[in-house]
Protein backbone atom coordinates (compact mmCIF):
# COMPACT_ATOMS: atom_id res chain seq x y z
CA MET A 1 65.92 88.67 102.50
CA VAL A 2 68.30 87.97 105.39
CA MET A 3 71.24 89.52 103.54
CA ILE A 4 69.20 92.68 102.84
CA ILE A 5 68.30 93.04 106.53
CA GLN A 6 71.94 92.41 107.48
CA PHE A 7 73.11 95.04 105.00
CA ILE A 8 70.60 97.63 106.24
CA ILE A 9 71.38 97.05 109.93
CA SER A 10 75.15 97.15 109.29
CA ALA A 11 74.79 100.33 107.22
CA VAL A 12 72.69 102.03 109.92
CA VAL A 13 75.25 101.14 112.60
CA ILE A 14 78.09 102.51 110.43
CA ILE A 15 76.09 105.67 109.71
CA LEU A 16 75.39 106.31 113.40
CA ALA A 17 79.02 105.62 114.30
CA GLY A 18 80.12 107.91 111.47
CA ILE A 19 77.87 110.68 112.83
CA SER A 20 79.43 110.24 116.27
CA LEU A 21 82.89 110.35 114.72
CA THR A 22 82.03 113.65 113.05
CA LYS A 23 80.74 115.16 116.30
CA PHE A 24 83.75 114.05 118.32
CA ALA A 25 86.14 115.21 115.58
CA ASP A 26 84.47 118.61 115.64
CA LYS A 27 84.75 118.68 119.43
CA ILE A 28 88.47 117.88 119.20
CA ALA A 29 88.85 120.71 116.68
CA GLU A 30 86.99 123.08 119.01
CA GLU A 31 89.13 122.17 122.01
CA THR A 32 92.37 122.52 120.08
CA GLY A 33 91.37 125.72 118.25
CA TRP A 34 91.85 124.38 114.69
CA GLY A 35 90.22 126.24 111.78
CA ARG A 36 87.36 125.02 109.60
CA MET A 37 89.47 124.50 106.49
CA LEU A 38 91.88 122.18 108.29
CA VAL A 39 89.03 120.40 110.10
CA GLY A 40 87.10 119.84 106.87
CA SER A 41 90.08 118.76 104.73
CA LEU A 42 91.87 116.56 107.25
CA LEU A 43 90.14 115.71 110.53
CA LEU A 44 86.52 115.56 109.34
CA ALA A 45 87.50 113.96 106.03
CA GLY A 46 89.51 111.30 107.81
CA ALA A 47 86.70 110.61 110.28
CA THR A 48 83.96 110.26 107.66
CA SER A 49 86.25 108.11 105.47
CA LEU A 50 86.82 105.56 108.24
CA PRO A 51 83.82 103.41 107.17
CA GLU A 52 85.39 103.01 103.71
CA LEU A 53 88.70 101.94 105.24
CA MET A 54 87.25 99.28 107.55
CA VAL A 55 84.79 97.92 104.97
CA ASP A 56 87.44 97.74 102.26
CA LEU A 57 90.11 96.14 104.46
CA LYS A 58 87.58 93.40 105.26
CA ALA A 59 86.72 93.07 101.55
CA VAL A 60 90.42 92.63 100.68
CA SER A 61 90.84 90.02 103.42
CA MET A 62 87.92 88.12 101.79
CA ASP A 63 89.69 88.36 98.40
CA LEU A 64 87.16 90.85 97.02
CA PRO A 65 89.43 93.59 95.60
CA ASP A 66 86.83 94.79 93.07
CA LEU A 67 84.37 95.44 95.90
CA ALA A 68 87.01 97.40 97.83
CA VAL A 69 88.31 99.56 94.95
CA GLY A 70 84.77 100.06 93.66
CA ASP A 71 83.71 101.33 97.08
CA LEU A 72 86.53 103.90 97.30
CA LEU A 73 86.00 105.27 93.80
CA GLY A 74 82.21 105.09 94.06
CA SER A 75 82.28 106.91 97.40
CA SER A 76 84.17 109.79 95.80
CA LEU A 77 81.52 109.99 93.11
CA PHE A 78 78.68 109.91 95.64
CA ASN A 79 80.42 112.56 97.77
CA LEU A 80 80.35 114.97 94.82
CA LEU A 81 76.69 114.10 94.17
CA ILE A 82 75.89 114.82 97.84
CA LEU A 83 77.54 118.23 97.68
CA ALA A 84 75.93 119.16 94.37
CA THR A 85 72.45 118.06 95.49
CA LEU A 86 72.61 119.94 98.79
CA ASP A 87 74.09 122.99 97.08
CA PHE A 88 71.19 123.57 94.68
CA ALA A 89 68.43 122.19 96.94
CA PHE A 90 69.29 123.57 100.36
CA PRO A 91 67.23 126.68 101.21
CA SER A 92 69.95 128.93 102.55
CA ALA A 93 71.99 131.99 101.70
CA PHE A 94 74.55 129.70 100.06
CA ARG A 95 72.15 128.17 97.55
CA ARG A 96 73.88 127.29 94.26
CA THR A 97 77.10 128.98 95.33
CA ALA A 98 79.37 126.11 96.44
CA PHE A 99 80.83 125.94 92.93
CA SER A 100 81.26 129.69 92.51
CA PRO A 101 84.23 132.12 92.74
CA MET A 102 83.31 132.65 96.42
CA PHE A 103 85.01 129.33 97.15
CA LEU A 104 87.86 129.48 94.68
CA HIS A 105 90.31 128.67 97.50
CA HIS A 106 88.90 125.12 97.54
CA SER A 107 90.04 124.59 93.93
CA LEU A 108 93.49 123.71 95.30
CA ALA A 109 92.14 120.71 97.25
CA ALA A 110 89.91 119.79 94.30
CA MET A 111 92.82 119.69 91.85
CA ILE A 112 94.92 117.62 94.27
CA THR A 113 92.03 115.15 94.27
CA VAL A 114 92.08 115.16 90.46
CA VAL A 115 95.82 114.36 90.42
CA LEU A 116 95.46 111.54 92.96
CA THR A 117 92.50 110.01 91.12
CA ALA A 118 94.37 110.23 87.80
CA ILE A 119 97.30 108.31 89.34
CA VAL A 120 94.93 105.56 90.51
CA GLY A 121 93.27 105.43 87.08
CA MET A 122 96.64 105.10 85.35
CA ALA A 123 97.65 102.35 87.78
CA ILE A 124 94.50 100.35 86.95
CA ILE A 125 94.96 100.71 83.19
CA SER A 126 98.74 100.26 83.00
CA ARG A 127 98.83 97.00 85.03
CA LEU A 128 102.49 97.64 85.92
CA ASN A 129 103.81 95.53 88.76
CA TYR A 130 106.77 97.44 90.19
CA SER A 131 106.74 97.43 93.98
CA TRP A 132 108.93 98.27 96.98
CA PHE A 133 108.37 96.78 100.45
CA GLY A 134 105.16 95.15 99.26
CA ILE A 135 103.64 98.41 97.99
CA ASN A 136 103.06 99.20 94.32
CA MET A 137 104.96 102.04 92.65
CA PHE A 138 101.73 103.95 92.03
CA SER A 139 100.78 103.66 95.72
CA TRP A 140 104.08 105.29 96.67
CA ILE A 141 103.32 108.11 94.22
CA VAL A 142 99.86 108.54 95.79
CA VAL A 143 101.44 108.89 99.26
CA ILE A 144 103.98 111.47 98.05
CA VAL A 145 101.37 113.54 96.17
CA TYR A 146 98.94 113.41 99.11
CA LEU A 147 101.55 114.63 101.60
CA TYR A 148 102.67 117.34 99.17
CA GLY A 149 99.04 118.38 98.72
CA LEU A 150 98.54 118.60 102.51
CA ARG A 151 101.55 120.89 102.69
CA LEU A 152 100.09 123.17 100.02
CA ILE A 153 96.70 123.26 101.76
CA HIS A 154 98.41 124.02 105.08
CA LEU A 155 100.36 126.91 103.53
CA GLU A 156 97.18 128.18 101.84
CA SER A 157 95.31 128.05 105.16
CA ASN A 158 98.05 130.05 106.86
CA GLU A 159 97.83 132.69 104.12
CA ARG A 160 94.09 133.05 104.74
CA ILE A 161 94.45 133.63 108.47
CA ASP A 162 94.49 137.36 109.24
CA SER A 163 96.23 137.01 112.58
CA PRO A 164 97.40 134.27 114.97
CA THR A 165 94.45 135.00 117.26
CA SER A 166 91.84 135.21 114.51
CA SER A 167 90.15 132.03 115.70
CA GLY A 168 89.46 133.74 119.03
CA GLN A 169 90.68 130.66 120.87
CA PRO A 170 94.10 129.49 122.06
CA VAL A 171 95.58 126.19 120.99
CA LEU A 172 94.34 124.59 124.19
CA SER A 173 92.09 126.34 126.65
CA VAL A 174 93.69 126.52 130.07
CA VAL A 175 90.39 127.42 131.73
CA ARG A 176 88.47 124.43 130.32
CA GLY A 177 91.40 122.05 130.86
CA TYR A 178 92.19 118.73 129.26
CA ARG A 179 89.05 116.83 130.35
CA PRO A 180 86.77 117.77 127.39
CA LEU A 181 89.55 116.96 124.92
CA ILE A 182 90.23 113.57 126.54
CA LEU A 183 86.50 112.71 126.51
CA ALA A 184 86.32 113.71 122.84
CA PHE A 185 89.21 111.39 121.99
CA ILE A 186 87.59 108.53 123.95
CA GLY A 187 84.34 109.03 122.06
CA TYR A 188 86.24 109.23 118.77
CA ILE A 189 88.01 105.91 119.44
CA ALA A 190 84.81 104.21 120.67
CA SER A 191 82.97 105.22 117.49
CA ALA A 192 85.86 103.88 115.42
CA LEU A 193 85.67 100.52 117.21
CA VAL A 194 81.94 100.26 116.44
CA ILE A 195 82.70 100.74 112.73
CA VAL A 196 85.42 98.08 112.93
CA ALA A 197 82.88 95.65 114.39
CA ALA A 198 80.09 96.43 111.88
CA ALA A 199 82.20 96.45 108.70
CA PRO A 200 82.50 92.65 108.23
CA PHE A 201 78.70 92.20 108.28
CA LEU A 202 78.25 94.88 105.61
CA VAL A 203 80.85 93.24 103.35
CA HIS A 204 79.37 89.75 103.77
CA ALA A 205 75.91 91.02 102.84
CA ALA A 206 77.24 92.96 99.82
CA ASP A 207 79.17 89.88 98.65
CA GLN A 208 76.05 87.70 98.77
CA PHE A 209 73.95 90.34 97.00
CA ALA A 210 76.56 90.72 94.24
CA ASN A 211 76.64 86.97 93.65
CA GLU A 212 72.87 86.43 93.74
CA SER A 213 71.93 89.50 91.69
CA GLY A 214 74.51 88.82 88.95
CA LEU A 215 75.57 92.48 88.93
CA GLY A 216 79.07 91.62 90.17
CA HIS A 217 81.32 93.06 92.87
CA THR A 218 82.47 96.00 90.73
CA PHE A 219 79.02 97.53 90.28
CA ILE A 220 77.79 96.66 93.79
CA GLY A 221 80.96 98.12 95.31
CA THR A 222 80.71 101.30 93.23
CA THR A 223 77.03 101.87 94.04
CA LEU A 224 75.44 100.07 96.98
CA VAL A 225 78.47 99.79 99.29
CA ALA A 226 79.76 103.22 98.25
CA LEU A 227 76.37 104.78 99.02
CA ALA A 228 76.28 103.18 102.48
CA THR A 229 79.82 104.26 103.39
CA SER A 230 79.21 107.79 102.01
CA LEU A 231 76.27 108.47 104.33
CA PRO A 232 78.52 109.88 107.10
CA GLU A 233 79.74 112.44 104.54
CA LEU A 234 76.09 113.24 103.77
CA VAL A 235 75.33 113.87 107.44
CA ALA A 236 78.48 115.97 107.96
CA THR A 237 77.86 118.02 104.80
CA LEU A 238 74.20 118.59 105.68
CA ALA A 239 75.23 119.72 109.17
CA ALA A 240 77.76 122.13 107.64
CA PHE A 241 75.08 123.68 105.40
CA ARG A 242 72.71 124.00 108.38
CA MET A 243 75.48 125.78 110.27
CA GLY A 244 75.89 128.17 107.33
CA ALA A 245 79.42 126.86 106.79
CA PRO A 246 79.83 125.77 103.14
CA ASP A 247 83.61 126.07 103.61
CA LEU A 248 83.43 123.13 105.99
CA ALA A 249 81.23 121.20 103.56
CA LEU A 250 83.56 121.67 100.59
CA GLY A 251 86.60 120.91 102.72
CA ASN A 252 84.96 117.69 103.90
CA ILE A 253 84.00 116.51 100.39
CA PHE A 254 87.26 117.30 98.59
CA GLY A 255 89.28 116.16 101.59
CA SER A 256 87.36 112.88 101.78
CA ASN A 257 87.87 112.23 98.06
CA ALA A 258 91.62 112.78 98.40
CA PHE A 259 91.66 110.57 101.49
CA ASN A 260 89.79 107.84 99.58
CA MET A 261 92.64 107.66 97.07
CA LEU A 262 95.14 107.44 99.93
CA LEU A 263 93.18 104.51 101.41
CA ILE A 264 94.08 102.42 98.36
CA VAL A 265 97.64 102.26 99.76
CA PRO A 266 96.80 100.09 102.84
CA LEU A 267 94.59 97.93 100.61
CA ASP A 268 97.52 97.46 98.23
CA PHE A 269 99.76 96.52 101.16
CA MET A 270 97.26 94.03 102.63
CA TYR A 271 96.40 92.38 99.30
CA ALA A 272 98.54 89.35 98.41
CA GLY A 273 99.05 90.33 94.76
CA ASN A 274 99.03 93.54 92.72
CA ILE A 275 95.61 95.01 93.46
CA PHE A 276 95.77 97.42 90.49
CA SER A 277 96.32 94.63 87.95
CA THR A 278 93.79 92.34 89.65
CA VAL A 279 90.74 94.61 89.61
CA LYS A 280 88.69 95.13 86.46
CA THR A 281 89.57 98.03 84.17
CA ILE A 282 85.99 99.33 84.45
CA HIS A 283 87.14 101.04 87.68
CA ALA A 284 89.17 103.40 85.48
CA VAL A 285 85.87 104.65 84.04
CA THR A 286 84.78 105.64 87.55
CA ALA A 287 88.16 107.33 88.14
CA PHE A 288 87.87 109.33 84.92
CA GLY A 289 84.29 110.22 85.88
CA ILE A 290 85.51 111.64 89.21
CA ILE A 291 88.17 113.66 87.37
CA ALA A 292 85.60 115.04 84.91
CA VAL A 293 83.06 116.01 87.59
CA THR A 294 85.67 117.57 89.90
CA SER A 295 87.07 119.54 86.95
CA ILE A 296 83.58 120.89 86.22
CA ALA A 297 83.36 121.97 89.87
CA VAL A 298 86.67 123.84 89.54
CA VAL A 299 85.48 125.46 86.29
CA GLY A 300 82.41 126.63 88.23
CA GLN A 301 84.70 128.21 90.84
CA LEU A 302 86.76 129.93 88.13
CA TYR A 303 83.72 131.12 86.12
CA ARG A 304 82.91 134.63 87.34
CA LYS A 305 79.43 135.22 85.97
CA LYS A 306 77.02 135.55 88.91
CA ASP A 307 73.67 134.86 87.22
CA ARG A 308 74.02 131.41 85.67
CA SER A 309 71.74 129.24 83.65
CA ARG A 310 71.19 125.95 85.47
CA PHE A 311 72.00 123.57 82.63
CA THR A 312 74.09 125.57 80.15
CA GLU A 313 76.74 126.98 82.49
CA PRO A 314 78.83 125.38 85.30
CA SER A 315 76.47 124.61 88.18
CA SER A 316 75.50 122.01 90.76
CA GLU A 317 72.72 120.81 88.46
CA ILE A 318 75.23 120.04 85.69
CA ILE A 319 77.39 118.12 88.15
CA ALA A 320 74.43 116.07 89.45
CA VAL A 321 73.31 115.16 85.91
CA MET A 322 76.87 114.24 84.95
CA ILE A 323 77.21 111.88 87.93
CA LEU A 324 73.89 110.17 87.16
CA LEU A 325 75.05 109.61 83.56
CA ILE A 326 78.31 108.08 84.82
CA LEU A 327 76.40 105.72 87.12
CA PHE A 328 74.17 104.69 84.21
CA LEU A 329 77.28 104.05 82.10
CA LEU A 330 78.74 101.84 84.85
CA TYR A 331 75.45 99.94 85.13
CA SER A 332 75.36 99.38 81.36
CA MET A 333 78.97 98.15 81.34
CA SER A 334 78.32 95.84 84.29
């Protein structure tokens, strides 16, 4: 009972800190004049992925690599479930349109996520142990692909901007000064420190629950811990839909999933051995599930028919059902 209370309290603290991170990140974006696509794919994605980083670094330090890798891959799966659920359930003008040709420009970020997740899946299955400077060969490939993907997204964003002043705001407002930006950065850092402090308690509780329940660190990491660390993404995505900004929501989800794969690199560096050959191969099933679901989302963006059947054509409902089947498969295998 104590571990459940500890888990809930730690998760709530991380959620609240994650919400604050999102608000301060948005404030920084407002003060600097950055666009929504860049904010969603980089700044917001990085902010809402911070809980995963801190929780998983603590898990690795406790020699729980399955919990850490399961959290990162499971969070990506839950992020897609969040987006799909809000897309077909949210009563707005954007209902059931997030995976439509209207947002085809997000297919670039989605496919970069597919490539990164495929690299991680291959690393887990291959068990190769080639490393440079304490980092596995596959981790180096993840870094290179991620940076290359950021470059492509940056170039794509520039192509979509009609004019340099289209945002209606200069890079830094002279009238408003530096004070709001400095306060936003202070709030951003303070929220990050709260997450750093709460992460160890969440990992300890998850470790005890995995041992006592008999479900193991792989399944608990992929479900319970992943769900807790994905709640900031839920809040940010819900806020984006309420703002009538599905572009921000899709940028946040696909950006967070790409960032999750990048976070495996510091885990690989901190872990004493080869983290890819240490974790169970069942994580590859989660990776392939992410690839399959993201590919369906891209098919939905490429498919040009406007009036779609909910369960026979690419849609948010299909994606949600697919994710639930993958989670059931992981539970059965665990």
